[in-house]
Amino acid sequence: MEPRFKRSNAVTYDEGCAPKLQDKLYLGDAISEFPAVDNNEPRDEMPYGTDPKTEFQKFIRLREEIIQSSGNGVHR
């Protein structure tokens, strides 16, 4: 059965204008700072051990600080 409506996305910009796209986000950008974890790790939480290396990691850590300081009972 043929679909009734075909969907498409179009991105347009003025000719001669080079749009500035955000950098790609890769899985490694998000998890490269995580410490190694063994199968029998007894801790629920572990320190990062390094400073954030990417803008995404900085953003995530900032959000954690906001959540912890908001007083809403959510603490990590």
Protein backbone atom coordinates (compact mmCIF):
# COMPACT_ATOMS: atom_id res chain seq x y z
CA MET A 1 0.00 0.00 0.00
CA GLU A 2 1.40 3.39 -1.00
CA PRO A 3 1.68 5.92 1.85
CA ARG A 4 -0.72 8.84 1.59
CA PHE A 5 1.83 11.48 2.49
CA LYS A 6 5.52 11.47 1.82
CA ARG A 7 7.64 13.25 4.36
CA SER A 8 10.83 15.11 3.66
CA ASN A 9 13.08 17.61 5.31
CA ALA A 10 14.67 20.49 3.48
CA VAL A 11 17.46 22.66 4.83
CA THR A 12 17.98 25.85 2.89
CA TYR A 13 20.27 28.84 3.14
CA ASP A 14 21.18 31.79 0.98
CA GLU A 15 23.64 31.08 -1.80
CA GLY A 16 27.11 32.23 -0.86
CA CYS A 17 26.31 31.90 2.84
CA ALA A 18 28.23 29.14 4.58
CA PRO A 19 26.15 27.91 7.52
CA LYS A 20 27.99 27.17 10.77
CA LEU A 21 26.90 23.74 11.97
CA GLN A 22 27.57 22.42 15.45
CA ASP A 23 30.37 19.92 15.83
CA LYS A 24 29.42 16.25 15.69
CA LEU A 25 28.98 14.46 18.99
CA TYR A 26 30.48 10.99 19.17
CA LEU A 27 29.97 8.36 21.84
CA GLY A 28 33.63 8.70 22.79
CA ASP A 29 33.03 12.40 23.54
CA ALA A 30 30.57 11.38 26.21
CA ILE A 31 32.20 8.35 27.81
CA SER A 32 35.95 8.76 27.34
CA GLU A 33 36.33 10.25 30.82
CA PHE A 34 34.66 7.35 32.64
CA PRO A 35 36.92 5.20 34.79
CA ALA A 36 37.29 1.52 34.01
CA VAL A 37 34.78 -0.65 35.87
CA ASP A 38 35.25 -4.33 36.67
CA ASN A 39 32.38 -6.82 36.76
CA ASN A 40 32.48 -6.97 40.56
CA GLU A 41 32.79 -3.23 41.23
CA PRO A 42 31.29 -2.64 44.72
CA ARG A 43 30.88 1.14 44.42
CA ASP A 44 27.72 2.76 43.09
CA GLU A 45 29.58 5.99 42.29
CA MET A 46 33.15 6.65 41.25
CA PRO A 47 35.09 9.88 40.79
CA TYR A 48 35.91 10.92 37.25
CA GLY A 49 39.63 11.08 37.97
CA THR A 50 40.32 13.62 35.20
CA ASP A 51 39.12 17.02 34.11
CA PRO A 52 36.52 17.11 31.34
CA LYS A 53 38.13 16.88 27.89
CA THR A 54 35.23 17.94 25.66
CA GLU A 55 32.56 20.63 25.70
CA PHE A 56 29.93 17.92 26.12
CA GLN A 57 31.65 16.58 29.25
CA LYS A 58 31.84 20.12 30.68
CA PHE A 59 28.14 20.58 29.97
CA ILE A 60 27.15 17.30 31.63
CA ARG A 61 29.21 18.04 34.74
CA LEU A 62 27.72 21.51 34.99
CA ARG A 63 24.23 19.99 34.91
CA GLU A 64 25.20 17.56 37.70
CA GLU A 65 26.34 20.49 39.86
CA ILE A 66 23.07 22.31 39.24
CA ILE A 67 21.02 19.24 40.14
CA GLN A 68 23.02 18.67 43.32
CA SER A 69 22.73 22.29 44.45
CA SER A 70 19.03 22.74 43.57
CA GLY A 71 17.84 21.37 46.92
CA ASN A 72 15.29 19.11 45.29
CA GLY A 73 16.48 16.05 47.14
CA VAL A 74 18.34 14.62 44.17
CA HIS A 75 21.96 14.10 45.11
CA ARG A 76 24.53 12.02 43.32
